[in-house]
PDB file of N, CA and C in Angstrom:
ATOM      1  N   MET A   1       0.837  -1.176   0.000  1.00  0.00           N
ATOM      2  CA  MET A   1       0.000   0.000   0.000  1.00  0.00           C
ATOM      3  C   MET A   1       0.882   1.239   0.000  1.00  0.00           C
ATOM      4  N   LYS A   2       0.570   2.144  -0.890  1.00  0.00           N
ATOM      5  CA  LYS A   2       1.362   3.366  -0.989  1.00  0.00           C
ATOM      6  C   LYS A   2       0.864   4.390   0.019  1.00  0.00           C
ATOM      7  N   CYS A   3       1.800   4.958   0.744  1.00  0.00           N
ATOM      8  CA  CYS A   3       1.460   5.971   1.739  1.00  0.00           C
ATOM      9  C   CYS A   3       1.104   7.275   1.042  1.00  0.00           C
ATOM     10  N   PHE A   4       0.309   8.085   1.688  1.00  0.00           N
ATOM     11  CA  PHE A   4      -0.104   9.366   1.123  1.00  0.00           C
ATOM     12  C   PHE A   4       1.055  10.329   0.957  1.00  0.00           C
ATOM     13  N   LEU A   5       2.121  10.121   1.689  1.00  0.00           N
ATOM     14  CA  LEU A   5       3.260  11.026   1.626  1.00  0.00           C
ATOM     15  C   LEU A   5       4.012  10.822   0.320  1.00  0.00           C
ATOM     16  N   GLU A   6       4.174  11.866  -0.436  1.00  0.00           N
ATOM     17  CA  GLU A   6       4.824  11.780  -1.733  1.00  0.00           C
ATOM     18  C   GLU A   6       6.349  11.786  -1.635  1.00  0.00           C
ATOM     19  N   LEU A   7       6.883  12.653  -0.811  1.00  0.00           N
ATOM     20  CA  LEU A   7       8.334  12.784  -0.786  1.00  0.00           C
ATOM     21  C   LEU A   7       8.794  13.318   0.554  1.00  0.00           C
ATOM     22  N   CYS A   8       9.814  12.727   1.089  1.00  0.00           N
ATOM     23  CA  CYS A   8      10.472  13.252   2.285  1.00  0.00           C
ATOM     24  C   CYS A   8      11.911  13.513   1.886  1.00  0.00           C
ATOM     25  N   LEU A   9      12.400  14.683   2.106  1.00  0.00           N
ATOM     26  CA  LEU A   9      13.737  15.062   1.696  1.00  0.00           C
ATOM     27  C   LEU A   9      14.676  14.958   2.885  1.00  0.00           C
ATOM     28  N   HIS A  10      15.773  14.279   2.710  1.00  0.00           N
ATOM     29  CA  HIS A  10      16.743  14.069   3.786  1.00  0.00           C
ATOM     30  C   HIS A  10      18.060  14.667   3.339  1.00  0.00           C
ATOM     31  N   VAL A  11      18.541  15.667   4.013  1.00  0.00           N
ATOM     32  CA  VAL A  11      19.776  16.338   3.651  1.00  0.00           C
ATOM     33  C   VAL A  11      20.853  15.981   4.661  1.00  0.00           C
ATOM     34  N   THR A  12      21.663  15.019   4.334  1.00  0.00           N
ATOM     35  CA  THR A  12      22.809  14.680   5.172  1.00  0.00           C
ATOM     36  C   THR A  12      23.543  13.521   4.520  1.00  0.00           C
ATOM     37  N   CYS A  13      24.740  13.229   4.963  1.00  0.00           N
ATOM     38  CA  CYS A  13      25.428  12.026   4.527  1.00  0.00           C
ATOM     39  C   CYS A  13      24.847  10.870   5.326  1.00  0.00           C
ATOM     40  N   LEU A  14      24.389   9.855   4.646  1.00  0.00           N
ATOM     41  CA  LEU A  14      23.809   8.716   5.351  1.00  0.00           C
ATOM     42  C   LEU A  14      24.878   7.645   5.542  1.00  0.00           C
ATOM     43  N   CYS A  15      25.335   7.493   6.753  1.00  0.00           N
ATOM     44  CA  CYS A  15      26.253   6.403   7.034  1.00  0.00           C
ATOM     45  C   CYS A  15      25.416   5.145   7.256  1.00  0.00           C
ATOM     46  N   PHE A  16      26.048   3.991   7.279  1.00  0.00           N
ATOM     47  CA  PHE A  16      25.318   2.728   7.420  1.00  0.00           C
ATOM     48  C   PHE A  16      24.464   2.731   8.683  1.00  0.00           C
ATOM     49  N   CYS A  17      25.018   3.193   9.776  1.00  0.00           N
ATOM     50  CA  CYS A  17      24.292   3.201  11.054  1.00  0.00           C
ATOM     51  C   CYS A  17      23.025   4.043  10.953  1.00  0.00           C
ATOM     52  N   LEU A  18      23.133   5.238  10.404  1.00  0.00           N
ATOM     53  CA  LEU A  18      21.977   6.118  10.271  1.00  0.00           C
ATOM     54  C   LEU A  18      20.950   5.508   9.325  1.00  0.00           C
ATOM     55  N   SER A  19      21.414   4.892   8.236  1.00  0.00           N
ATOM     56  CA  SER A  19      20.495   4.236   7.300  1.00  0.00           C
ATOM     57  C   SER A  19      19.731   3.128   7.999  1.00  0.00           C
ATOM     58  N   TYR A  20      20.410   2.389   8.848  1.00  0.00           N
ATOM     59  CA  TYR A  20      19.770   1.299   9.581  1.00  0.00           C
ATOM     60  C   TYR A  20      18.704   1.836  10.536  1.00  0.00           C
ATOM     61  N   ILE A  21      19.026   2.879  11.269  1.00  0.00           N
ATOM     62  CA  ILE A  21      18.074   3.467  12.221  1.00  0.00           C
ATOM     63  C   ILE A  21      16.857   4.018  11.483  1.00  0.00           C
ATOM     64  N   PHE A  22      17.076   4.655  10.325  1.00  0.00           N
ATOM     65  CA  PHE A  22      15.982   5.268   9.580  1.00  0.00           C
ATOM     66  C   PHE A  22      15.260   4.286   8.657  1.00  0.00           C
ATOM     67  N   ALA A  23      15.628   3.016   8.671  1.00  0.00           N
ATOM     68  CA  ALA A  23      15.013   2.022   7.775  1.00  0.00           C
ATOM     69  C   ALA A  23      13.481   2.028   7.837  1.00  0.00           C
ATOM     70  N   PRO A  24      12.845   2.094   9.014  1.00  0.00           N
ATOM     71  CA  PRO A  24      11.371   2.128   9.036  1.00  0.00           C
ATOM     72  C   PRO A  24      10.814   3.350   8.294  1.00  0.00           C
ATOM     73  N   PHE A  25      11.505   4.462   8.392  1.00  0.00           N
ATOM     74  CA  PHE A  25      11.083   5.676   7.706  1.00  0.00           C
ATOM     75  C   PHE A  25      11.147   5.473   6.190  1.00  0.00           C
ATOM     76  N   PHE A  26      12.247   4.828   5.736  1.00  0.00           N
ATOM     77  CA  PHE A  26      12.428   4.593   4.305  1.00  0.00           C
ATOM     78  C   PHE A  26      11.377   3.635   3.761  1.00  0.00           C
ATOM     79  N   ARG A  27      10.922   2.691   4.580  1.00  0.00           N
ATOM     80  CA  ARG A  27       9.894   1.747   4.123  1.00  0.00           C
ATOM     81  C   ARG A  27       8.523   2.405   4.003  1.00  0.00           C
ATOM     82  N   LEU A  28       8.242   3.381   4.843  1.00  0.00           N
ATOM     83  CA  LEU A  28       6.932   4.016   4.852  1.00  0.00           C
ATOM     84  C   LEU A  28       6.800   5.178   3.864  1.00  0.00           C
ATOM     85  N   PHE A  29       7.905   5.851   3.592  1.00  0.00           N
ATOM     86  CA  PHE A  29       7.837   7.077   2.820  1.00  0.00           C
ATOM     87  C   PHE A  29       8.822   7.055   1.659  1.00  0.00           C
ATOM     88  N   SER A  30       8.527   7.813   0.653  1.00  0.00           N
ATOM     89  CA  SER A  30       9.449   8.020  -0.456  1.00  0.00           C
ATOM     90  C   SER A  30      10.496   9.029   0.009  1.00  0.00           C
ATOM     91  N   VAL A  31      11.760   8.647  -0.042  1.00  0.00           N
ATOM     92  CA  VAL A  31      12.834   9.484   0.487  1.00  0.00           C
ATOM     93  C   VAL A  31      13.809   9.832  -0.626  1.00  0.00           C
ATOM     94  N   THR A  32      14.165  11.091  -0.722  1.00  0.00           N
ATOM     95  CA  THR A  32      15.191  11.541  -1.645  1.00  0.00           C
ATOM     96  C   THR A  32      16.340  12.085  -0.815  1.00  0.00           C
ATOM     97  N   ALA A  33      17.537  11.599  -1.060  1.00  0.00           N
ATOM     98  CA  ALA A  33      18.717  12.066  -0.329  1.00  0.00           C
ATOM     99  C   ALA A  33      19.545  12.966  -1.237  1.00  0.00           C
ATOM    100  N   VAL A  34      19.992  14.066  -0.686  1.00  0.00           N
ATOM    101  CA  VAL A  34      20.883  14.967  -1.399  1.00  0.00           C
ATOM    102  C   VAL A  34      22.085  15.250  -0.515  1.00  0.00           C
ATOM    103  N   ASP A  35      23.162  15.765  -1.126  1.00  0.00           N
ATOM    104  CA  ASP A  35      24.408  15.900  -0.377  1.00  0.00           C
ATOM    105  C   ASP A  35      24.718  17.316   0.098  1.00  0.00           C
ATOM    106  N   SER A  36      23.806  18.242  -0.117  1.00  0.00           N
ATOM    107  CA  SER A  36      24.056  19.599   0.366  1.00  0.00           C
ATOM    108  C   SER A  36      22.741  20.351   0.513  1.00  0.00           C
ATOM    109  N   ALA A  37      22.779  21.395   1.300  1.00  0.00           N
ATOM    110  CA  ALA A  37      21.587  22.220   1.486  1.00  0.00           C
ATOM    111  C   ALA A  37      21.224  22.935   0.192  1.00  0.00           C
ATOM    112  N   GLN A  38      22.231  23.361  -0.559  1.00  0.00           N
ATOM    113  CA  GLN A  38      21.939  24.035  -1.824  1.00  0.00           C
ATOM    114  C   GLN A  38      21.233  23.091  -2.793  1.00  0.00           C
ATOM    115  N   ARG A  39      21.659  21.846  -2.838  1.00  0.00           N
ATOM    116  CA  ARG A  39      20.987  20.867  -3.697  1.00  0.00           C
ATOM    117  C   ARG A  39      19.551  20.657  -3.217  1.00  0.00           C
ATOM    118  N   ALA A  40      19.337  20.671  -1.928  1.00  0.00           N
ATOM    119  CA  ALA A  40      17.981  20.544  -1.391  1.00  0.00           C
ATOM    120  C   ALA A  40      17.122  21.712  -1.852  1.00  0.00           C
ATOM    121  N   LEU A  41      17.666  22.917  -1.772  1.00  0.00           N
ATOM    122  CA  LEU A  41      16.907  24.094  -2.215  1.00  0.00           C
ATOM    123  C   LEU A  41      16.596  24.014  -3.704  1.00  0.00           C
ATOM    124  N   ASP A  42      17.571  23.546  -4.486  1.00  0.00           N
ATOM    125  CA  ASP A  42      17.338  23.374  -5.930  1.00  0.00           C
ATOM    126  C   ASP A  42      16.216  22.376  -6.175  1.00  0.00           C
ATOM    127  N   LEU A  43      16.254  21.269  -5.461  1.00  0.00           N
ATOM    128  CA  LEU A  43      15.242  20.224  -5.626  1.00  0.00           C
ATOM    129  C   LEU A  43      13.861  20.706  -5.174  1.00  0.00           C
ATOM    130  N   LEU A  44      13.824  21.503  -4.139  1.00  0.00           N
ATOM    131  CA  LEU A  44      12.541  22.027  -3.660  1.00  0.00           C
ATOM    132  C   LEU A  44      11.850  22.868  -4.731  1.00  0.00           C
ATOM    133  N   GLY A  45      12.651  23.539  -5.572  1.00  0.00           N
ATOM    134  CA  GLY A  45      12.072  24.315  -6.653  1.00  0.00           C
ATOM    135  C   GLY A  45      11.449  23.438  -7.732  1.00  0.00           C
ATOM    136  N   LEU A  46      11.920  22.189  -7.838  1.00  0.00           N
ATOM    137  CA  LEU A  46      11.430  21.260  -8.863  1.00  0.00           C
ATOM    138  C   LEU A  46      10.353  20.322  -8.347  1.00  0.00           C
ATOM    139  N   GLU A  47      10.362  20.058  -7.067  1.00  0.00           N
ATOM    140  CA  GLU A  47       9.465  19.065  -6.462  1.00  0.00           C
ATOM    141  C   GLU A  47       8.554  19.741  -5.448  1.00  0.00           C
ATOM    142  N   PRO A  48       7.299  20.004  -5.817  1.00  0.00           N
ATOM    143  CA  PRO A  48       6.416  20.741  -4.915  1.00  0.00           C
ATOM    144  C   PRO A  48       5.835  19.918  -3.765  1.00  0.00           C
ATOM    145  N   ASP A  49       5.980  18.602  -3.786  1.00  0.00           N
ATOM    146  CA  ASP A  49       5.313  17.756  -2.796  1.00  0.00           C
ATOM    147  C   ASP A  49       6.233  17.258  -1.693  1.00  0.00           C
ATOM    148  N   VAL A  50       7.134  18.078  -1.229  1.00  0.00           N
ATOM    149  CA  VAL A  50       8.008  17.701  -0.121  1.00  0.00           C
ATOM    150  C   VAL A  50       7.254  17.953   1.170  1.00  0.00           C
ATOM    151  N   ASN A  51       7.195  16.931   2.026  1.00  0.00           N
ATOM    152  CA  ASN A  51       6.432  17.036   3.260  1.00  0.00           C
ATOM    153  C   ASN A  51       7.281  17.204   4.508  1.00  0.00           C
ATOM    154  N   MET A  52       8.572  16.922   4.413  1.00  0.00           N
ATOM    155  CA  MET A  52       9.446  17.087   5.566  1.00  0.00           C
ATOM    156  C   MET A  52      10.889  17.110   5.088  1.00  0.00           C
ATOM    157  N   ILE A  53      11.693  17.876   5.785  1.00  0.00           N
ATOM    158  CA  ILE A  53      13.137  17.884   5.559  1.00  0.00           C
ATOM    159  C   ILE A  53      13.798  17.424   6.842  1.00  0.00           C
ATOM    160  N   ILE A  54      14.690  16.459   6.722  1.00  0.00           N
ATOM    161  CA  ILE A  54      15.506  16.005   7.851  1.00  0.00           C
ATOM    162  C   ILE A  54      16.937  16.383   7.490  1.00  0.00           C
ATOM    163  N   THR A  55      17.536  17.234   8.283  1.00  0.00           N
ATOM    164  CA  THR A  55      18.849  17.764   7.928  1.00  0.00           C
ATOM    165  C   THR A  55      19.825  17.710   9.097  1.00  0.00           C
ATOM    166  N   ASP A  56      21.076  17.578   8.774  1.00  0.00           N
ATOM    167  CA  ASP A  56      22.124  17.692   9.765  1.00  0.00           C
ATOM    168  C   ASP A  56      22.310  19.177  10.074  1.00  0.00           C
ATOM    169  N   TYR A  57      22.738  19.488  11.280  1.00  0.00           N
ATOM    170  CA  TYR A  57      22.991  20.891  11.595  1.00  0.00           C
ATOM    171  C   TYR A  57      24.207  21.398  10.823  1.00  0.00           C
ATOM    172  N   TRP A  58      25.291  20.618  10.822  1.00  0.00           N
ATOM    173  CA  TRP A  58      26.520  21.047  10.142  1.00  0.00           C
ATOM    174  C   TRP A  58      26.568  20.457   8.745  1.00  0.00           C
ATOM    175  N   MET A  59      26.570  21.325   7.740  1.00  0.00           N
ATOM    176  CA  MET A  59      26.695  20.924   6.342  1.00  0.00           C
ATOM    177  C   MET A  59      27.740  21.815   5.687  1.00  0.00           C
ATOM    178  N   PRO A  60      28.254  21.403   4.530  1.00  0.00           N
ATOM    179  CA  PRO A  60      29.334  22.170   3.890  1.00  0.00           C
ATOM    180  C   PRO A  60      28.962  23.596   3.493  1.00  0.00           C
ATOM    181  N   ASP A  61      27.779  23.820   2.945  1.00  0.00           N
ATOM    182  CA  ASP A  61      27.473  25.130   2.382  1.00  0.00           C
ATOM    183  C   ASP A  61      26.610  26.035   3.253  1.00  0.00           C
ATOM    184  N   MET A  62      25.913  25.489   4.216  1.00  0.00           N
ATOM    185  CA  MET A  62      25.141  26.279   5.171  1.00  0.00           C
ATOM    186  C   MET A  62      24.740  25.372   6.328  1.00  0.00           C
ATOM    187  N   THR A  63      24.328  25.960   7.429  1.00  0.00           N
ATOM    188  CA  THR A  63      23.907  25.137   8.562  1.00  0.00           C
ATOM    189  C   THR A  63      22.446  24.725   8.392  1.00  0.00           C
ATOM    190  N   GLY A  64      22.039  23.743   9.166  1.00  0.00           N
ATOM    191  CA  GLY A  64      20.642  23.348   9.178  1.00  0.00           C
ATOM    192  C   GLY A  64      19.752  24.502   9.623  1.00  0.00           C
ATOM    193  N   PHE A  65      20.260  25.349  10.502  1.00  0.00           N
ATOM    194  CA  PHE A  65      19.511  26.528  10.945  1.00  0.00           C
ATOM    195  C   PHE A  65      19.268  27.476   9.774  1.00  0.00           C
ATOM    196  N   ASP A  66      20.294  27.682   8.942  1.00  0.00           N
ATOM    197  CA  ASP A  66      20.147  28.545   7.765  1.00  0.00           C
ATOM    198  C   ASP A  66      19.132  27.963   6.788  1.00  0.00           C
ATOM    199  N   LEU A  67      19.178  26.648   6.596  1.00  0.00           N
ATOM    200  CA  LEU A  67      18.213  25.987   5.722  1.00  0.00           C
ATOM    201  C   LEU A  67      16.800  26.147   6.288  1.00  0.00           C
ATOM    202  N   LEU A  68      16.656  25.951   7.580  1.00  0.00           N
ATOM    203  CA  LEU A  68      15.361  26.104   8.252  1.00  0.00           C
ATOM    204  C   LEU A  68      14.765  27.489   7.988  1.00  0.00           C
ATOM    205  N   LYS A  69      15.583  28.522   8.076  1.00  0.00           N
ATOM    206  CA  LYS A  69      15.099  29.884   7.859  1.00  0.00           C
ATOM    207  C   LYS A  69      14.637  30.114   6.420  1.00  0.00           C
ATOM    208  N   ARG A  70      15.149  29.317   5.476  1.00  0.00           N
ATOM    209  CA  ARG A  70      14.807  29.519   4.062  1.00  0.00           C
ATOM    210  C   ARG A  70      13.600  28.707   3.610  1.00  0.00           C
ATOM    211  N   VAL A  71      13.185  27.707   4.385  1.00  0.00           N
ATOM    212  CA  VAL A  71      12.066  26.854   3.965  1.00  0.00           C
ATOM    213  C   VAL A  71      10.985  26.824   5.038  1.00  0.00           C
ATOM    214  N   LYS A  72      10.440  27.948   5.340  1.00  0.00           N
ATOM    215  CA  LYS A  72       9.438  28.082   6.400  1.00  0.00           C
ATOM    216  C   LYS A  72       8.180  27.252   6.167  1.00  0.00           C
ATOM    217  N   GLU A  73       7.825  26.973   4.928  1.00  0.00           N
ATOM    218  CA  GLU A  73       6.562  26.307   4.635  1.00  0.00           C
ATOM    219  C   GLU A  73       6.628  24.783   4.770  1.00  0.00           C
ATOM    220  N   ILE A  74       7.800  24.216   5.005  1.00  0.00           N
ATOM    221  CA  ILE A  74       7.972  22.761   5.107  1.00  0.00           C
ATOM    222  C   ILE A  74       8.504  22.418   6.490  1.00  0.00           C
ATOM    223  N   PRO A  75       7.932  21.404   7.158  1.00  0.00           N
ATOM    224  CA  PRO A  75       8.467  21.001   8.463  1.00  0.00           C
ATOM    225  C   PRO A  75       9.927  20.545   8.342  1.00  0.00           C
ATOM    226  N   VAL A  76      10.759  21.023   9.247  1.00  0.00           N
ATOM    227  CA  VAL A  76      12.185  20.703   9.236  1.00  0.00           C
ATOM    228  C   VAL A  76      12.564  20.057  10.556  1.00  0.00           C
ATOM    229  N   VAL A  77      13.283  18.939  10.460  1.00  0.00           N
ATOM    230  CA  VAL A  77      13.861  18.259  11.619  1.00  0.00           C
ATOM    231  C   VAL A  77      15.368  18.410  11.496  1.00  0.00           C
ATOM    232  N   ILE A  78      16.011  18.859  12.555  1.00  0.00           N
ATOM    233  CA  ILE A  78      17.462  19.049  12.544  1.00  0.00           C
ATOM    234  C   ILE A  78      18.100  18.007  13.449  1.00  0.00           C
ATOM    235  N   MET A  79      19.252  17.483  12.995  1.00  0.00           N
ATOM    236  CA  MET A  79      20.010  16.508  13.776  1.00  0.00           C
ATOM    237  C   MET A  79      21.402  17.060  14.061  1.00  0.00           C
ATOM    238  N   SER A  80      21.953  16.688  15.201  1.00  0.00           N
ATOM    239  CA  SER A  80      23.319  17.071  15.524  1.00  0.00           C
ATOM    240  C   SER A  80      23.878  16.140  16.592  1.00  0.00           C
ATOM    241  N   SER A  81      25.172  15.943  16.542  1.00  0.00           N
ATOM    242  CA  SER A  81      25.827  15.154  17.589  1.00  0.00           C
ATOM    243  C   SER A  81      26.231  16.044  18.755  1.00  0.00           C
ATOM    244  N   GLU A  82      26.096  17.348  18.570  1.00  0.00           N
ATOM    245  CA  GLU A  82      26.466  18.305  19.610  1.00  0.00           C
ATOM    246  C   GLU A  82      25.229  18.735  20.395  1.00  0.00           C
ATOM    247  N   ASN A  83      25.236  18.446  21.676  1.00  0.00           N
ATOM    248  CA  ASN A  83      24.118  18.807  22.541  1.00  0.00           C
ATOM    249  C   ASN A  83      24.371  20.211  23.094  1.00  0.00           C
ATOM    250  N   VAL A  84      23.988  21.214  22.296  1.00  0.00           N
ATOM    251  CA  VAL A  84      24.174  22.611  22.672  1.00  0.00           C
ATOM    252  C   VAL A  84      22.782  23.205  22.910  1.00  0.00           C
ATOM    253  N   PRO A  85      22.369  23.317  24.183  1.00  0.00           N
ATOM    254  CA  PRO A  85      21.004  23.764  24.477  1.00  0.00           C
ATOM    255  C   PRO A  85      20.598  25.065  23.782  1.00  0.00           C
ATOM    256  N   SER A  86      21.497  26.042  23.710  1.00  0.00           N
ATOM    257  CA  SER A  86      21.129  27.310  23.066  1.00  0.00           C
ATOM    258  C   SER A  86      20.863  27.118  21.572  1.00  0.00           C
ATOM    259  N   ARG A  87      21.610  26.243  20.927  1.00  0.00           N
ATOM    260  CA  ARG A  87      21.402  25.947  19.502  1.00  0.00           C
ATOM    261  C   ARG A  87      20.064  25.228  19.305  1.00  0.00           C
ATOM    262  N   ILE A  88      19.798  24.258  20.156  1.00  0.00           N
ATOM    263  CA  ILE A  88      18.540  23.499  20.063  1.00  0.00           C
ATOM    264  C   ILE A  88      17.355  24.438  20.253  1.00  0.00           C
ATOM    265  N   THR A  89      17.426  25.278  21.277  1.00  0.00           N
ATOM    266  CA  THR A  89      16.349  26.236  21.547  1.00  0.00           C
ATOM    267  C   THR A  89      16.154  27.188  20.382  1.00  0.00           C
ATOM    268  N   ARG A  90      17.240  27.695  19.841  1.00  0.00           N
ATOM    269  CA  ARG A  90      17.163  28.633  18.713  1.00  0.00           C
ATOM    270  C   ARG A  90      16.494  27.993  17.499  1.00  0.00           C
ATOM    271  N   CYS A  91      16.854  26.739  17.207  1.00  0.00           N
ATOM    272  CA  CYS A  91      16.249  26.033  16.070  1.00  0.00           C
ATOM    273  C   CYS A  91      14.753  25.802  16.294  1.00  0.00           C
ATOM    274  N   LEU A  92      14.394  25.379  17.492  1.00  0.00           N
ATOM    275  CA  LEU A  92      12.977  25.136  17.795  1.00  0.00           C
ATOM    276  C   LEU A  92      12.175  26.441  17.785  1.00  0.00           C
ATOM    277  N   GLU A  93      12.765  27.509  18.299  1.00  0.00           N
ATOM    278  CA  GLU A  93      12.079  28.806  18.282  1.00  0.00           C
ATOM    279  C   GLU A  93      11.912  29.335  16.856  1.00  0.00           C
ATOM    280  N   GLU A  94      12.843  28.989  15.973  1.00  0.00           N
ATOM    281  CA  GLU A  94      12.768  29.431  14.579  1.00  0.00           C
ATOM    282  C   GLU A  94      11.757  28.600  13.780  1.00  0.00           C
ATOM    283  N   GLY A  95      11.314  27.456  14.359  1.00  0.00           N
ATOM    284  CA  GLY A  95      10.267  26.698  13.691  1.00  0.00           C
ATOM    285  C   GLY A  95      10.575  25.240  13.396  1.00  0.00           C
ATOM    286  N   ALA A  96      11.738  24.747  13.795  1.00  0.00           N
ATOM    287  CA  ALA A  96      12.017  23.317  13.595  1.00  0.00           C
ATOM    288  C   ALA A  96      10.978  22.499  14.356  1.00  0.00           C
ATOM    289  N   VAL A  97      10.487  21.431  13.738  1.00  0.00           N
ATOM    290  CA  VAL A  97       9.474  20.617  14.407  1.00  0.00           C
ATOM    291  C   VAL A  97      10.103  19.642  15.397  1.00  0.00           C
ATOM    292  N   ASP A  98      11.395  19.406  15.252  1.00  0.00           N
ATOM    293  CA  ASP A  98      12.097  18.525  16.190  1.00  0.00           C
ATOM    294  C   ASP A  98      13.590  18.751  16.040  1.00  0.00           C
ATOM    295  N   PHE A  99      14.338  18.392  17.065  1.00  0.00           N
ATOM    296  CA  PHE A  99      15.796  18.449  17.045  1.00  0.00           C
ATOM    297  C   PHE A  99      16.274  17.121  17.617  1.00  0.00           C
ATOM    298  N   LEU A 100      16.906  16.303  16.781  1.00  0.00           N
ATOM    299  CA  LEU A 100      17.355  14.975  17.209  1.00  0.00           C
ATOM    300  C   LEU A 100      18.838  14.999  17.523  1.00  0.00           C
ATOM    301  N   LEU A 101      19.184  14.419  18.656  1.00  0.00           N
ATOM    302  CA  LEU A 101      20.595  14.275  18.995  1.00  0.00           C
ATOM    303  C   LEU A 101      21.105  12.944  18.478  1.00  0.00           C
ATOM    304  N   LYS A 102      22.283  12.975  17.876  1.00  0.00           N
ATOM    305  CA  LYS A 102      22.918  11.752  17.404  1.00  0.00           C
ATOM    306  C   LYS A 102      23.699  11.151  18.559  1.00  0.00           C
ATOM    307  N   PRO A 103      23.762   9.866  18.688  1.00  0.00           N
ATOM    308  CA  PRO A 103      23.170   8.924  17.744  1.00  0.00           C
ATOM    309  C   PRO A 103      21.644   8.918  17.852  1.00  0.00           C
ATOM    310  N   VAL A 104      21.003   8.933  16.693  1.00  0.00           N
ATOM    311  CA  VAL A 104      19.548   8.923  16.634  1.00  0.00           C
ATOM    312  C   VAL A 104      19.055   7.570  17.136  1.00  0.00           C
ATOM    313  N   ARG A 105      18.033   7.606  17.964  1.00  0.00           N
ATOM    314  CA  ARG A 105      17.479   6.380  18.546  1.00  0.00           C
ATOM    315  C   ARG A 105      16.251   5.932  17.763  1.00  0.00           C
ATOM    316  N   PRO A 106      15.955   4.646  17.767  1.00  0.00           N
ATOM    317  CA  PRO A 106      14.746   4.164  17.092  1.00  0.00           C
ATOM    318  C   PRO A 106      13.478   4.880  17.563  1.00  0.00           C
ATOM    319  N   ALA A 107      13.416   5.260  18.841  1.00  0.00           N
ATOM    320  CA  ALA A 107      12.246   5.977  19.356  1.00  0.00           C
ATOM    321  C   ALA A 107      12.086   7.340  18.667  1.00  0.00           C
ATOM    322  N   ASP A 108      13.211   7.978  18.320  1.00  0.00           N
ATOM    323  CA  ASP A 108      13.155   9.255  17.601  1.00  0.00           C
ATOM    324  C   ASP A 108      12.530   9.064  16.227  1.00  0.00           C
ATOM    325  N   VAL A 109      12.930   7.994  15.542  1.00  0.00           N
ATOM    326  CA  VAL A 109      12.409   7.707  14.206  1.00  0.00           C
ATOM    327  C   VAL A 109      10.927   7.358  14.291  1.00  0.00           C
ATOM    328  N   SER A 110      10.547   6.593  15.293  1.00  0.00           N
ATOM    329  CA  SER A 110       9.125   6.257  15.483  1.00  0.00           C
ATOM    330  C   SER A 110       8.294   7.518  15.681  1.00  0.00           C
ATOM    331  N   ARG A 111       8.827   8.457  16.463  1.00  0.00           N
ATOM    332  CA  ARG A 111       8.124   9.719  16.703  1.00  0.00           C
ATOM    333  C   ARG A 111       7.944  10.497  15.393  1.00  0.00           C
ATOM    334  N   LEU A 112       8.993  10.507  14.544  1.00  0.00           N
ATOM    335  CA  LEU A 112       8.887  11.194  13.255  1.00  0.00           C
ATOM    336  C   LEU A 112       7.874  10.511  12.342  1.00  0.00           C
ATOM    337  N   CYS A 113       7.906   9.175  12.311  1.00  0.00           N
ATOM    338  CA  CYS A 113       6.944   8.426  11.485  1.00  0.00           C
ATOM    339  C   CYS A 113       5.514   8.731  11.923  1.00  0.00           C
ATOM    340  N   THR A 114       5.284   8.740  13.222  1.00  0.00           N
ATOM    341  CA  THR A 114       3.949   9.039  13.741  1.00  0.00           C
ATOM    342  C   THR A 114       3.533  10.451  13.367  1.00  0.00           C
ATOM    343  N   ARG A 115       4.439  11.386  13.497  1.00  0.00           N
ATOM    344  CA  ARG A 115       4.138  12.778  13.147  1.00  0.00           C
ATOM    345  C   ARG A 115       3.763  12.884  11.669  1.00  0.00           C
ATOM    346  N   MET A 116       4.481  12.166  10.796  1.00  0.00           N
ATOM    347  CA  MET A 116       4.202  12.232   9.363  1.00  0.00           C
ATOM    348  C   MET A 116       2.861  11.565   9.029  1.00  0.00           C
ATOM    349  N   MET A 117       2.538  10.491   9.710  1.00  0.00           N
ATOM    350  CA  MET A 117       1.290   9.791   9.451  1.00  0.00           C
ATOM    351  C   MET A 117       0.075  10.630   9.870  1.00  0.00           C
ATOM    352  N   MET A 118       0.270  11.489  10.859  1.00  0.00           N
ATOM    353  CA  MET A 118      -0.833  12.315  11.357  1.00  0.00           C
ATOM    354  C   MET A 118      -1.074  13.552  10.487  1.00  0.00           C
ATOM    355  N   ARG A 119      -0.179  13.839   9.578  1.00  0.00           N
ATOM    356  CA  ARG A 119      -0.327  15.029   8.708  1.00  0.00           C
ATOM    357  C   ARG A 119      -1.352  14.798   7.649  1.00  0.00           C
TER     358      ARG A 119
END
C-alpha cells in the first residue's frame, strides 16, 4: 500500500548506522537524499510535494539553521551530535518541528513516522 506522503527530503550524509536506524522511515515514505543544502533548495524548486526535511545541523554550504530559515513552509527536523542547548532552543524557536541528537534512537524515528502519518 502506498502511503499518502509523496516525498520526504533528507539532507545529510547517510552512514550505514543512520540508514539502519531510519530504515522504518524509508519503508513508509518516499525518500530523496541529497548531499548539500543548496541541492535541497534546488530540488525544492522542482518538487512541490516535499512534506518534511531532515537535515544535519553542520553541512558544507550552510547550517541546518540557515536551511530552516529559508524553507518556512515545510516542516524541518534538525540533527546534531552536539548537545548545545542554546542551539537546540534557537532552532525550535525558529520553527524546527524537532531536534534529534545523534546517535539517533529508534524511538526518535518512530516519533517522526507518527508525526508524518498524522499530517
